[in-house]
């Protein structure tokens, strides 16, 4: 269930930005809000988990590239440099501005 919540949160961020609600998640997952709160204490905690998953995915891809002996150093560098943009492709400029504003407001 926890992974389903994280996956749906990622989808909600893509479609609605950070304005989605726990009710939106519950509706899309066909569960109660209580079920979501059994796994996460807040919307912020869920978003943190989404970001953690993205970062872990980037780190895993970078590790695989770095350890690939078939690639030359220049190619490894090129591939590593494009890992981050590929992983954050679901975040457009509008979402980055929204995230910045949330960070400023919450200090």
C-alpha atoms as a PDB file:
ATOM      1  CA  UNK A   1       0.000   0.000   0.000  1.00  0.00           C
ATOM      2  CA  UNK A   2       2.803   2.383   0.861  1.00  0.00           C
ATOM      3  CA  UNK A   3       4.289   2.071  -2.642  1.00  0.00           C
ATOM      4  CA  UNK A   4       0.848   2.597  -4.217  1.00  0.00           C
ATOM      5  CA  UNK A   5       0.475   5.815  -2.225  1.00  0.00           C
ATOM      6  CA  UNK A   6       3.906   7.041  -3.338  1.00  0.00           C
ATOM      7  CA  UNK A   7       3.194   6.169  -6.983  1.00  0.00           C
ATOM      8  CA  UNK A   8      -0.176   7.913  -6.947  1.00  0.00           C
ATOM      9  CA  UNK A   9       1.342  10.941  -5.216  1.00  0.00           C
ATOM     10  CA  UNK A  10       3.853  11.204  -8.035  1.00  0.00           C
ATOM     11  CA  UNK A  11       0.973  11.096 -10.512  1.00  0.00           C
ATOM     12  CA  UNK A  12      -0.957  13.738  -8.554  1.00  0.00           C
ATOM     13  CA  UNK A  13       2.089  16.029  -8.549  1.00  0.00           C
ATOM     14  CA  UNK A  14       2.357  15.630 -12.315  1.00  0.00           C
ATOM     15  CA  UNK A  15      -1.300  16.445 -12.923  1.00  0.00           C
ATOM     16  CA  UNK A  16      -2.236  18.878 -10.143  1.00  0.00           C
ATOM     17  CA  UNK A  17       1.038  20.151  -8.799  1.00  0.00           C
ATOM     18  CA  UNK A  18       1.479  20.265  -5.049  1.00  0.00           C
ATOM     19  CA  UNK A  19      -2.128  21.373  -4.533  1.00  0.00           C
ATOM     20  CA  UNK A  20      -3.420  17.791  -4.450  1.00  0.00           C
ATOM     21  CA  UNK A  21      -5.029  16.683  -1.204  1.00  0.00           C
ATOM     22  CA  UNK A  22      -5.061  13.505   0.830  1.00  0.00           C
ATOM     23  CA  UNK A  23      -8.702  13.213  -0.254  1.00  0.00           C
ATOM     24  CA  UNK A  24      -7.549  13.244  -3.896  1.00  0.00           C
ATOM     25  CA  UNK A  25      -5.124  10.431  -3.136  1.00  0.00           C
ATOM     26  CA  UNK A  26      -7.710   8.410  -1.248  1.00  0.00           C
ATOM     27  CA  UNK A  27     -10.226   8.768  -4.061  1.00  0.00           C
ATOM     28  CA  UNK A  28      -7.749   7.698  -6.755  1.00  0.00           C
ATOM     29  CA  UNK A  29      -6.551   4.752  -4.673  1.00  0.00           C
ATOM     30  CA  UNK A  30     -10.112   3.778  -3.679  1.00  0.00           C
ATOM     31  CA  UNK A  31      -9.174   3.761   0.002  1.00  0.00           C
ATOM     32  CA  UNK A  32     -10.066   5.869   2.993  1.00  0.00           C
ATOM     33  CA  UNK A  33      -7.971   8.798   4.163  1.00  0.00           C
ATOM     34  CA  UNK A  34      -7.433   6.814   7.351  1.00  0.00           C
ATOM     35  CA  UNK A  35      -5.710   4.090   5.327  1.00  0.00           C
ATOM     36  CA  UNK A  36      -3.287   6.662   3.947  1.00  0.00           C
ATOM     37  CA  UNK A  37      -2.664   8.108   7.415  1.00  0.00           C
ATOM     38  CA  UNK A  38      -1.872   4.603   8.696  1.00  0.00           C
ATOM     39  CA  UNK A  39       1.184   4.687   6.414  1.00  0.00           C
ATOM     40  CA  UNK A  40       2.111   8.395   6.422  1.00  0.00           C
ATOM     41  CA  UNK A  41       1.529  11.066   9.047  1.00  0.00           C
ATOM     42  CA  UNK A  42       1.083  13.925   6.561  1.00  0.00           C
ATOM     43  CA  UNK A  43       1.070  15.021   2.949  1.00  0.00           C
ATOM     44  CA  UNK A  44       4.569  16.433   3.490  1.00  0.00           C
ATOM     45  CA  UNK A  45       5.821  13.027   4.577  1.00  0.00           C
ATOM     46  CA  UNK A  46       4.415  11.450   1.403  1.00  0.00           C
ATOM     47  CA  UNK A  47       6.028  14.111  -0.810  1.00  0.00           C
ATOM     48  CA  UNK A  48       9.318  13.589   1.053  1.00  0.00           C
ATOM     49  CA  UNK A  49       9.057   9.878   0.254  1.00  0.00           C
ATOM     50  CA  UNK A  50       8.449  10.610  -3.453  1.00  0.00           C
ATOM     51  CA  UNK A  51      11.541  12.818  -3.530  1.00  0.00           C
ATOM     52  CA  UNK A  52      13.566  10.184  -1.663  1.00  0.00           C
ATOM     53  CA  UNK A  53      12.551   7.562  -4.239  1.00  0.00           C
ATOM     54  CA  UNK A  54      13.586   9.828  -7.110  1.00  0.00           C
ATOM     55  CA  UNK A  55      16.957  10.547  -5.493  1.00  0.00           C
ATOM     56  CA  UNK A  56      17.577   6.845  -4.815  1.00  0.00           C
ATOM     57  CA  UNK A  57      16.747   6.050  -8.427  1.00  0.00           C
ATOM     58  CA  UNK A  58      19.219   8.672  -9.640  1.00  0.00           C
ATOM     59  CA  UNK A  59      21.922   7.318  -7.336  1.00  0.00           C
ATOM     60  CA  UNK A  60      21.336   3.761  -8.546  1.00  0.00           C
ATOM     61  CA  UNK A  61      21.560   4.805 -12.203  1.00  0.00           C
ATOM     62  CA  UNK A  62      24.733   6.801 -11.525  1.00  0.00           C
ATOM     63  CA  UNK A  63      26.279   3.809  -9.734  1.00  0.00           C
ATOM     64  CA  UNK A  64      25.439   1.470 -12.612  1.00  0.00           C
ATOM     65  CA  UNK A  65      26.954   3.879 -15.124  1.00  0.00           C
ATOM     66  CA  UNK A  66      30.100   4.411 -13.042  1.00  0.00           C
ATOM     67  CA  UNK A  67      30.626   0.660 -12.669  1.00  0.00           C
ATOM     68  CA  UNK A  68      30.079  -0.118 -16.370  1.00  0.00           C
ATOM     69  CA  UNK A  69      33.537  -1.051 -17.623  1.00  0.00           C
ATOM     70  CA  UNK A  70      32.307  -1.062 -21.228  1.00  0.00           C
ATOM     71  CA  UNK A  71      31.897   2.724 -21.142  1.00  0.00           C
ATOM     72  CA  UNK A  72      34.725   5.188 -21.574  1.00  0.00           C
ATOM     73  CA  UNK A  73      35.135   7.931 -18.972  1.00  0.00           C
ATOM     74  CA  UNK A  74      33.730  10.686 -21.204  1.00  0.00           C
ATOM     75  CA  UNK A  75      30.627   8.598 -21.961  1.00  0.00           C
ATOM     76  CA  UNK A  76      30.158   7.842 -18.244  1.00  0.00           C
ATOM     77  CA  UNK A  77      30.282  11.554 -17.450  1.00  0.00           C
ATOM     78  CA  UNK A  78      27.792  12.367 -20.213  1.00  0.00           C
ATOM     79  CA  UNK A  79      25.349   9.677 -19.075  1.00  0.00           C
ATOM     80  CA  UNK A  80      25.624  10.663 -15.413  1.00  0.00           C
ATOM     81  CA  UNK A  81      24.965  14.313 -16.266  1.00  0.00           C
ATOM     82  CA  UNK A  82      21.684  13.421 -17.963  1.00  0.00           C
ATOM     83  CA  UNK A  83      20.437  11.170 -15.134  1.00  0.00           C
ATOM     84  CA  UNK A  84      19.005  14.002 -13.062  1.00  0.00           C
ATOM     85  CA  UNK A  85      17.035  15.727 -15.840  1.00  0.00           C
ATOM     86  CA  UNK A  86      15.583  12.369 -16.904  1.00  0.00           C
ATOM     87  CA  UNK A  87      14.422  11.527 -13.396  1.00  0.00           C
ATOM     88  CA  UNK A  88      12.867  14.930 -12.822  1.00  0.00           C
ATOM     89  CA  UNK A  89      11.146  15.088 -16.202  1.00  0.00           C
ATOM     90  CA  UNK A  90       7.758  14.981 -14.485  1.00  0.00           C
ATOM     91  CA  UNK A  91       8.497  18.284 -12.757  1.00  0.00           C
ATOM     92  CA  UNK A  92       7.935  21.202 -15.088  1.00  0.00           C
ATOM     93  CA  UNK A  93       8.824  24.842 -14.400  1.00  0.00           C
ATOM     94  CA  UNK A  94       5.402  25.526 -12.860  1.00  0.00           C
ATOM     95  CA  UNK A  95       5.975  22.823 -10.251  1.00  0.00           C
ATOM     96  CA  UNK A  96       9.467  24.082  -9.456  1.00  0.00           C
ATOM     97  CA  UNK A  97       8.090  27.572  -8.778  1.00  0.00           C
ATOM     98  CA  UNK A  98       5.331  26.066  -6.641  1.00  0.00           C
ATOM     99  CA  UNK A  99       7.869  23.980  -4.706  1.00  0.00           C
ATOM    100  CA  UNK A 100      10.078  27.040  -4.180  1.00  0.00           C
ATOM    101  CA  UNK A 101       7.094  28.985  -2.805  1.00  0.00           C
ATOM    102  CA  UNK A 102       6.209  26.140  -0.444  1.00  0.00           C
ATOM    103  CA  UNK A 103       9.789  26.041   0.840  1.00  0.00           C
ATOM    104  CA  UNK A 104       9.816  29.823   1.370  1.00  0.00           C
ATOM    105  CA  UNK A 105       6.465  29.776   3.189  1.00  0.00           C
ATOM    106  CA  UNK A 106       7.400  26.844   5.418  1.00  0.00           C
ATOM    107  CA  UNK A 107      10.893  28.214   6.035  1.00  0.00           C
END
